[in-house]
PDB file of N, CA and C in Angstrom:
ATOM      1  N   UNK A   1      59.188 -65.910 222.173  1.00  0.00           N
ATOM      2  CA  UNK A   1      60.069 -64.831 222.527  1.00  0.00           C
ATOM      3  C   UNK A   1      61.406 -65.016 221.838  1.00  0.00           C
ATOM      4  N   UNK A   2      62.093 -63.926 221.642  1.00  0.00           N
ATOM      5  CA  UNK A   2      63.385 -63.964 220.984  1.00  0.00           C
ATOM      6  C   UNK A   2      64.476 -64.185 222.024  1.00  0.00           C
ATOM      7  N   UNK A   3      65.335 -65.172 221.759  1.00  0.00           N
ATOM      8  CA  UNK A   3      66.420 -65.529 222.667  1.00  0.00           C
ATOM      9  C   UNK A   3      67.733 -65.391 221.916  1.00  0.00           C
ATOM     10  N   UNK A   4      68.661 -64.637 222.484  1.00  0.00           N
ATOM     11  CA  UNK A   4      69.979 -64.431 221.884  1.00  0.00           C
ATOM     12  C   UNK A   4      70.951 -65.475 222.424  1.00  0.00           C
ATOM     13  N   UNK A   5      71.688 -66.135 221.531  1.00  0.00           N
ATOM     14  CA  UNK A   5      72.681 -67.135 221.922  1.00  0.00           C
ATOM     15  C   UNK A   5      74.072 -66.565 221.677  1.00  0.00           C
ATOM     16  N   UNK A   6      74.922 -66.637 222.700  1.00  0.00           N
ATOM     17  CA  UNK A   6      76.262 -66.071 222.609  1.00  0.00           C
ATOM     18  C   UNK A   6      77.317 -67.158 222.492  1.00  0.00           C
ATOM     19  N   UNK A   7      78.382 -66.826 221.785  1.00  0.00           N
ATOM     20  CA  UNK A   7      79.567 -67.673 221.716  1.00  0.00           C
ATOM     21  C   UNK A   7      79.297 -69.072 221.205  1.00  0.00           C
ATOM     22  N   UNK A   8      79.818 -70.051 221.944  1.00  0.00           N
ATOM     23  CA  UNK A   8      79.726 -71.454 221.545  1.00  0.00           C
ATOM     24  C   UNK A   8      78.282 -71.941 221.472  1.00  0.00           C
ATOM     25  N   UNK A   9      77.372 -71.296 222.190  1.00  0.00           N
ATOM     26  CA  UNK A   9      75.957 -71.706 222.127  1.00  0.00           C
ATOM     27  C   UNK A   9      75.394 -71.501 220.724  1.00  0.00           C
ATOM     28  N   UNK A  10      75.750 -70.395 220.100  1.00  0.00           N
ATOM     29  CA  UNK A  10      75.274 -70.135 218.738  1.00  0.00           C
ATOM     30  C   UNK A  10      75.814 -71.198 217.784  1.00  0.00           C
ATOM     31  N   UNK A  11      77.078 -71.542 217.921  1.00  0.00           N
ATOM     32  CA  UNK A  11      77.661 -72.584 217.068  1.00  0.00           C
ATOM     33  C   UNK A  11      76.966 -73.917 217.298  1.00  0.00           C
ATOM     34  N   UNK A  12      76.665 -74.245 218.558  1.00  0.00           N
ATOM     35  CA  UNK A  12      75.998 -75.508 218.889  1.00  0.00           C
ATOM     36  C   UNK A  12      74.563 -75.536 218.368  1.00  0.00           C
ATOM     37  N   UNK A  13      73.998 -74.367 218.123  1.00  0.00           N
ATOM     38  CA  UNK A  13      72.633 -74.268 217.592  1.00  0.00           C
ATOM     39  C   UNK A  13      72.660 -74.076 216.078  1.00  0.00           C
ATOM     40  N   UNK A  14      73.687 -74.617 215.439  1.00  0.00           N
ATOM     41  CA  UNK A  14      73.759 -74.553 213.978  1.00  0.00           C
ATOM     42  C   UNK A  14      74.055 -73.174 213.440  1.00  0.00           C
ATOM     43  N   UNK A  15      74.688 -72.330 214.246  1.00  0.00           N
ATOM     44  CA  UNK A  15      75.038 -70.991 213.805  1.00  0.00           C
ATOM     45  C   UNK A  15      73.962 -69.943 214.059  1.00  0.00           C
ATOM     46  N   UNK A  16      72.856 -70.347 214.659  1.00  0.00           N
ATOM     47  CA  UNK A  16      71.771 -69.394 214.952  1.00  0.00           C
ATOM     48  C   UNK A  16      72.154 -68.544 216.161  1.00  0.00           C
ATOM     49  N   UNK A  17      72.205 -67.236 215.975  1.00  0.00           N
ATOM     50  CA  UNK A  17      72.487 -66.337 217.093  1.00  0.00           C
ATOM     51  C   UNK A  17      71.211 -65.889 217.787  1.00  0.00           C
ATOM     52  N   UNK A  18      70.097 -66.006 217.080  1.00  0.00           N
ATOM     53  CA  UNK A  18      68.795 -65.648 217.627  1.00  0.00           C
ATOM     54  C   UNK A  18      67.816 -66.765 217.301  1.00  0.00           C
ATOM     55  N   UNK A  19      67.052 -67.198 218.311  1.00  0.00           N
ATOM     56  CA  UNK A  19      66.033 -68.227 218.093  1.00  0.00           C
ATOM     57  C   UNK A  19      64.726 -67.762 218.737  1.00  0.00           C
ATOM     58  N   UNK A  20      63.623 -68.236 218.184  1.00  0.00           N
ATOM     59  CA  UNK A  20      62.292 -67.946 218.737  1.00  0.00           C
ATOM     60  C   UNK A  20      61.823 -69.163 219.515  1.00  0.00           C
ATOM     61  N   UNK A  21      61.552 -68.979 220.795  1.00  0.00           N
ATOM     62  CA  UNK A  21      61.082 -70.075 221.638  1.00  0.00           C
ATOM     63  C   UNK A  21      60.000 -69.529 222.567  1.00  0.00           C
ATOM     64  N   UNK A  22      58.912 -70.275 222.700  1.00  0.00           N
ATOM     65  CA  UNK A  22      57.847 -69.906 223.623  1.00  0.00           C
ATOM     66  C   UNK A  22      58.042 -70.736 224.889  1.00  0.00           C
ATOM     67  N   UNK A  23      58.269 -70.060 226.025  1.00  0.00           N
ATOM     68  CA  UNK A  23      58.504 -70.752 227.294  1.00  0.00           C
ATOM     69  C   UNK A  23      58.058 -69.852 228.436  1.00  0.00           C
ATOM     70  N   UNK A  24      57.571 -70.492 229.514  1.00  0.00           N
ATOM     71  CA  UNK A  24      57.099 -69.706 230.663  1.00  0.00           C
ATOM     72  C   UNK A  24      58.201 -69.471 231.692  1.00  0.00           C
ATOM     73  N   UNK A  25      59.224 -70.355 231.708  1.00  0.00           N
ATOM     74  CA  UNK A  25      60.322 -70.187 232.659  1.00  0.00           C
ATOM     75  C   UNK A  25      61.611 -70.743 232.052  1.00  0.00           C
ATOM     76  N   UNK A  26      62.719 -70.588 232.765  1.00  0.00           N
ATOM     77  CA  UNK A  26      64.018 -71.019 232.258  1.00  0.00           C
ATOM     78  C   UNK A  26      64.041 -72.525 232.007  1.00  0.00           C
ATOM     79  N   UNK A  27      63.449 -73.307 232.887  1.00  0.00           N
ATOM     80  CA  UNK A  27      63.427 -74.771 232.719  1.00  0.00           C
ATOM     81  C   UNK A  27      62.812 -75.158 231.370  1.00  0.00           C
ATOM     82  N   UNK A  28      61.656 -74.569 231.071  1.00  0.00           N
ATOM     83  CA  UNK A  28      60.982 -74.870 229.807  1.00  0.00           C
ATOM     84  C   UNK A  28      61.799 -74.352 228.622  1.00  0.00           C
ATOM     85  N   UNK A  29      62.414 -73.203 228.777  1.00  0.00           N
ATOM     86  CA  UNK A  29      63.268 -72.659 227.725  1.00  0.00           C
ATOM     87  C   UNK A  29      64.402 -73.633 227.397  1.00  0.00           C
ATOM     88  N   UNK A  30      65.088 -74.142 228.432  1.00  0.00           N
ATOM     89  CA  UNK A  30      66.184 -75.087 228.214  1.00  0.00           C
ATOM     90  C   UNK A  30      65.681 -76.367 227.551  1.00  0.00           C
ATOM     91  N   UNK A  31      64.537 -76.877 228.000  1.00  0.00           N
ATOM     92  CA  UNK A  31      63.992 -78.111 227.440  1.00  0.00           C
ATOM     93  C   UNK A  31      63.690 -77.941 225.950  1.00  0.00           C
ATOM     94  N   UNK A  32      63.018 -76.851 225.612  1.00  0.00           N
ATOM     95  CA  UNK A  32      62.653 -76.617 224.212  1.00  0.00           C
ATOM     96  C   UNK A  32      63.882 -76.321 223.357  1.00  0.00           C
ATOM     97  N   UNK A  33      64.845 -75.630 223.921  1.00  0.00           N
ATOM     98  CA  UNK A  33      66.073 -75.345 223.191  1.00  0.00           C
ATOM     99  C   UNK A  33      66.823 -76.642 222.875  1.00  0.00           C
ATOM    100  N   UNK A  34      66.908 -77.556 223.848  1.00  0.00           N
ATOM    101  CA  UNK A  34      67.584 -78.840 223.646  1.00  0.00           C
ATOM    102  C   UNK A  34      66.840 -79.708 222.633  1.00  0.00           C
ATOM    103  N   UNK A  35      65.503 -79.629 222.624  1.00  0.00           N
ATOM    104  CA  UNK A  35      64.717 -80.389 221.647  1.00  0.00           C
ATOM    105  C   UNK A  35      64.982 -79.875 220.236  1.00  0.00           C
ATOM    106  N   UNK A  36      65.043 -78.566 220.095  1.00  0.00           N
ATOM    107  CA  UNK A  36      65.216 -77.946 218.785  1.00  0.00           C
ATOM    108  C   UNK A  36      66.668 -78.035 218.306  1.00  0.00           C
ATOM    109  N   UNK A  37      67.617 -77.934 219.252  1.00  0.00           N
ATOM    110  CA  UNK A  37      69.043 -77.933 218.926  1.00  0.00           C
ATOM    111  C   UNK A  37      69.774 -78.871 219.887  1.00  0.00           C
ATOM    112  N   UNK A  38      69.824 -80.170 219.593  1.00  0.00           N
ATOM    113  CA  UNK A  38      70.442 -81.144 220.505  1.00  0.00           C
ATOM    114  C   UNK A  38      71.892 -80.827 220.859  1.00  0.00           C
ATOM    115  N   UNK A  39      72.610 -80.119 220.002  1.00  0.00           N
ATOM    116  CA  UNK A  39      73.998 -79.764 220.287  1.00  0.00           C
ATOM    117  C   UNK A  39      74.151 -78.823 221.464  1.00  0.00           C
ATOM    118  N   UNK A  40      73.066 -78.190 221.886  1.00  0.00           N
ATOM    119  CA  UNK A  40      73.107 -77.247 223.004  1.00  0.00           C
ATOM    120  C   UNK A  40      73.021 -77.978 224.351  1.00  0.00           C
ATOM    121  N   UNK A  41      72.496 -79.203 224.337  1.00  0.00           N
ATOM    122  CA  UNK A  41      72.253 -79.927 225.588  1.00  0.00           C
ATOM    123  C   UNK A  41      73.495 -80.059 226.480  1.00  0.00           C
ATOM    124  N   UNK A  42      74.692 -80.379 225.946  1.00  0.00           N
ATOM    125  CA  UNK A  42      75.856 -80.456 226.826  1.00  0.00           C
ATOM    126  C   UNK A  42      76.152 -79.137 227.544  1.00  0.00           C
ATOM    127  N   UNK A  43      75.877 -78.017 226.888  1.00  0.00           N
ATOM    128  CA  UNK A  43      76.080 -76.716 227.530  1.00  0.00           C
ATOM    129  C   UNK A  43      75.086 -76.507 228.672  1.00  0.00           C
ATOM    130  N   UNK A  44      73.852 -76.963 228.459  1.00  0.00           N
ATOM    131  CA  UNK A  44      72.836 -76.850 229.504  1.00  0.00           C
ATOM    132  C   UNK A  44      73.272 -77.664 230.719  1.00  0.00           C
ATOM    133  N   UNK A  45      73.801 -78.865 230.470  1.00  0.00           N
ATOM    134  CA  UNK A  45      74.248 -79.729 231.571  1.00  0.00           C
ATOM    135  C   UNK A  45      75.426 -79.118 232.322  1.00  0.00           C
ATOM    136  N   UNK A  46      76.316 -78.414 231.599  1.00  0.00           N
ATOM    137  CA  UNK A  46      77.475 -77.770 232.238  1.00  0.00           C
ATOM    138  C   UNK A  46      77.071 -76.504 232.972  1.00  0.00           C
ATOM    139  N   UNK A  47      75.986 -75.917 232.537  1.00  0.00           N
ATOM    140  CA  UNK A  47      75.503 -74.686 233.156  1.00  0.00           C
ATOM    141  C   UNK A  47      75.528 -73.525 232.184  1.00  0.00           C
ATOM    142  N   UNK A  48      74.411 -72.871 232.065  1.00  0.00           N
ATOM    143  CA  UNK A  48      74.273 -71.703 231.205  1.00  0.00           C
ATOM    144  C   UNK A  48      73.796 -70.546 232.069  1.00  0.00           C
ATOM    145  N   UNK A  49      74.402 -69.392 231.874  1.00  0.00           N
ATOM    146  CA  UNK A  49      73.925 -68.179 232.537  1.00  0.00           C
ATOM    147  C   UNK A  49      72.836 -67.577 231.652  1.00  0.00           C
ATOM    148  N   UNK A  50      71.759 -67.147 232.281  1.00  0.00           N
ATOM    149  CA  UNK A  50      70.632 -66.561 231.562  1.00  0.00           C
ATOM    150  C   UNK A  50      70.481 -65.113 232.002  1.00  0.00           C
ATOM    151  N   UNK A  51      70.510 -64.215 231.049  1.00  0.00           N
ATOM    152  CA  UNK A  51      70.283 -62.804 231.330  1.00  0.00           C
ATOM    153  C   UNK A  51      68.861 -62.465 230.906  1.00  0.00           C
ATOM    154  N   UNK A  52      68.070 -61.986 231.867  1.00  0.00           N
ATOM    155  CA  UNK A  52      66.695 -61.554 231.597  1.00  0.00           C
ATOM    156  C   UNK A  52      66.633 -60.071 231.914  1.00  0.00           C
ATOM    157  N   UNK A  53      66.473 -59.269 230.878  1.00  0.00           N
ATOM    158  CA  UNK A  53      66.444 -57.809 231.018  1.00  0.00           C
ATOM    159  C   UNK A  53      67.644 -57.302 231.826  1.00  0.00           C
ATOM    160  N   UNK A  54      68.824 -57.886 231.560  1.00  0.00           N
ATOM    161  CA  UNK A  54      70.062 -57.404 232.171  1.00  0.00           C
ATOM    162  C   UNK A  54      70.420 -58.023 233.512  1.00  0.00           C
ATOM    163  N   UNK A  55      69.550 -58.853 234.081  1.00  0.00           N
ATOM    164  CA  UNK A  55      69.845 -59.533 235.346  1.00  0.00           C
ATOM    165  C   UNK A  55      70.255 -60.965 235.051  1.00  0.00           C
ATOM    166  N   UNK A  56      71.403 -61.391 235.600  1.00  0.00           N
ATOM    167  CA  UNK A  56      71.932 -62.731 235.342  1.00  0.00           C
ATOM    168  C   UNK A  56      71.348 -63.723 236.348  1.00  0.00           C
ATOM    169  N   UNK A  57      70.880 -64.856 235.830  1.00  0.00           N
ATOM    170  CA  UNK A  57      70.358 -65.947 236.662  1.00  0.00           C
ATOM    171  C   UNK A  57      71.177 -67.202 236.376  1.00  0.00           C
ATOM    172  N   UNK A  58      71.587 -67.889 237.446  1.00  0.00           N
ATOM    173  CA  UNK A  58      72.309 -69.154 237.321  1.00  0.00           C
ATOM    174  C   UNK A  58      71.612 -70.152 238.231  1.00  0.00           C
ATOM    175  N   UNK A  59      71.289 -71.306 237.689  1.00  0.00           N
ATOM    176  CA  UNK A  59      70.671 -72.382 238.469  1.00  0.00           C
ATOM    177  C   UNK A  59      69.330 -71.978 239.078  1.00  0.00           C
ATOM    178  N   UNK A  60      68.645 -71.037 238.466  1.00  0.00           N
ATOM    179  CA  UNK A  60      67.323 -70.605 238.926  1.00  0.00           C
ATOM    180  C   UNK A  60      66.326 -70.970 237.832  1.00  0.00           C
ATOM    181  N   UNK A  61      66.148 -72.275 237.611  1.00  0.00           N
ATOM    182  CA  UNK A  61      65.388 -72.742 236.477  1.00  0.00           C
ATOM    183  C   UNK A  61      63.902 -72.422 236.572  1.00  0.00           C
ATOM    184  N   UNK A  62      63.406 -72.087 237.747  1.00  0.00           N
ATOM    185  CA  UNK A  62      61.985 -71.763 237.890  1.00  0.00           C
ATOM    186  C   UNK A  62      61.712 -70.274 237.641  1.00  0.00           C
ATOM    187  N   UNK A  63      62.744 -69.502 237.324  1.00  0.00           N
ATOM    188  CA  UNK A  63      62.581 -68.066 237.089  1.00  0.00           C
ATOM    189  C   UNK A  63      61.661 -67.841 235.892  1.00  0.00           C
ATOM    190  N   UNK A  64      60.558 -67.095 236.098  1.00  0.00           N
ATOM    191  CA  UNK A  64      59.638 -66.820 234.981  1.00  0.00           C
ATOM    192  C   UNK A  64      60.299 -65.955 233.909  1.00  0.00           C
ATOM    193  N   UNK A  65      59.828 -66.105 232.690  1.00  0.00           N
ATOM    194  CA  UNK A  65      60.297 -65.300 231.561  1.00  0.00           C
ATOM    195  C   UNK A  65      59.172 -64.340 231.175  1.00  0.00           C
ATOM    196  N   UNK A  66      59.298 -63.067 231.534  1.00  0.00           N
ATOM    197  CA  UNK A  66      58.234 -62.109 231.227  1.00  0.00           C
ATOM    198  C   UNK A  66      58.082 -61.903 229.718  1.00  0.00           C
ATOM    199  N   UNK A  67      56.877 -61.664 229.292  1.00  0.00           N
ATOM    200  CA  UNK A  67      56.596 -61.382 227.890  1.00  0.00           C
ATOM    201  C   UNK A  67      57.392 -60.150 227.462  1.00  0.00           C
ATOM    202  N   UNK A  68      58.046 -60.231 226.322  1.00  0.00           N
ATOM    203  CA  UNK A  68      58.797 -59.093 225.798  1.00  0.00           C
ATOM    204  C   UNK A  68      60.153 -58.866 226.446  1.00  0.00           C
ATOM    205  N   UNK A  69      60.590 -59.775 227.306  1.00  0.00           N
ATOM    206  CA  UNK A  69      61.879 -59.615 227.979  1.00  0.00           C
ATOM    207  C   UNK A  69      63.024 -59.787 226.991  1.00  0.00           C
ATOM    208  N   UNK A  70      64.137 -59.124 227.276  1.00  0.00           N
ATOM    209  CA  UNK A  70      65.361 -59.310 226.505  1.00  0.00           C
ATOM    210  C   UNK A  70      66.114 -60.468 227.155  1.00  0.00           C
ATOM    211  N   UNK A  71      66.312 -61.565 226.406  1.00  0.00           N
ATOM    212  CA  UNK A  71      66.895 -62.782 226.977  1.00  0.00           C
ATOM    213  C   UNK A  71      68.157 -63.156 226.216  1.00  0.00           C
ATOM    214  N   UNK A  72      69.250 -63.324 226.969  1.00  0.00           N
ATOM    215  CA  UNK A  72      70.517 -63.767 226.426  1.00  0.00           C
ATOM    216  C   UNK A  72      70.959 -65.015 227.165  1.00  0.00           C
ATOM    217  N   UNK A  73      71.465 -66.001 226.436  1.00  0.00           N
ATOM    218  CA  UNK A  73      72.030 -67.207 227.033  1.00  0.00           C
ATOM    219  C   UNK A  73      73.529 -67.184 226.790  1.00  0.00           C
ATOM    220  N   UNK A  74      74.300 -67.408 227.858  1.00  0.00           N
ATOM    221  CA  UNK A  74      75.754 -67.359 227.765  1.00  0.00           C
ATOM    222  C   UNK A  74      76.344 -68.630 228.368  1.00  0.00           C
ATOM    223  N   UNK A  75      77.287 -69.254 227.665  1.00  0.00           N
ATOM    224  CA  UNK A  75      77.934 -70.438 228.258  1.00  0.00           C
ATOM    225  C   UNK A  75      78.736 -70.003 229.473  1.00  0.00           C
ATOM    226  N   UNK A  76      78.807 -70.872 230.467  1.00  0.00           N
ATOM    227  CA  UNK A  76      79.594 -70.557 231.659  1.00  0.00           C
ATOM    228  C   UNK A  76      81.066 -70.566 231.291  1.00  0.00           C
ATOM    229  N   UNK A  77      81.786 -69.676 231.905  1.00  0.00           N
ATOM    230  CA  UNK A  77      83.230 -69.612 231.679  1.00  0.00           C
ATOM    231  C   UNK A  77      83.928 -70.415 232.757  1.00  0.00           C
ATOM    232  N   UNK A  78      84.898 -71.204 232.346  1.00  0.00           N
ATOM    233  CA  UNK A  78      85.695 -71.950 233.327  1.00  0.00           C
ATOM    234  C   UNK A  78      86.676 -70.980 233.962  1.00  0.00           C
ATOM    235  N   UNK A  79      86.815 -71.072 235.244  1.00  0.00           N
ATOM    236  CA  UNK A  79      87.738 -70.181 235.933  1.00  0.00           C
ATOM    237  C   UNK A  79      88.562 -70.956 236.937  1.00  0.00           C
ATOM    238  N   UNK A  80      89.579 -70.320 237.431  1.00  0.00           N
ATOM    239  CA  UNK A  80      90.393 -71.034 238.389  1.00  0.00           C
ATOM    240  C   UNK A  80      91.343 -70.219 239.116  1.00  0.00           C
TER     241      UNK A  80
END
């Protein structure tokens, strides 16, 4: 499936804004993304928001990834 990387995530993935990854859920997506692009791992540890067809998921790593879904990964924003 095609996964869109936003902001610092794209830079951490060697400048790739779009990557192809086969995964059944968010947990597997993060694991495969970290294997392919080790620079992304610190962002995963800090927390990444995942948009699946326009719905944002945070800390829901067991969320299934439907075939053909539009998936965006966004680094968490620090707030205060």
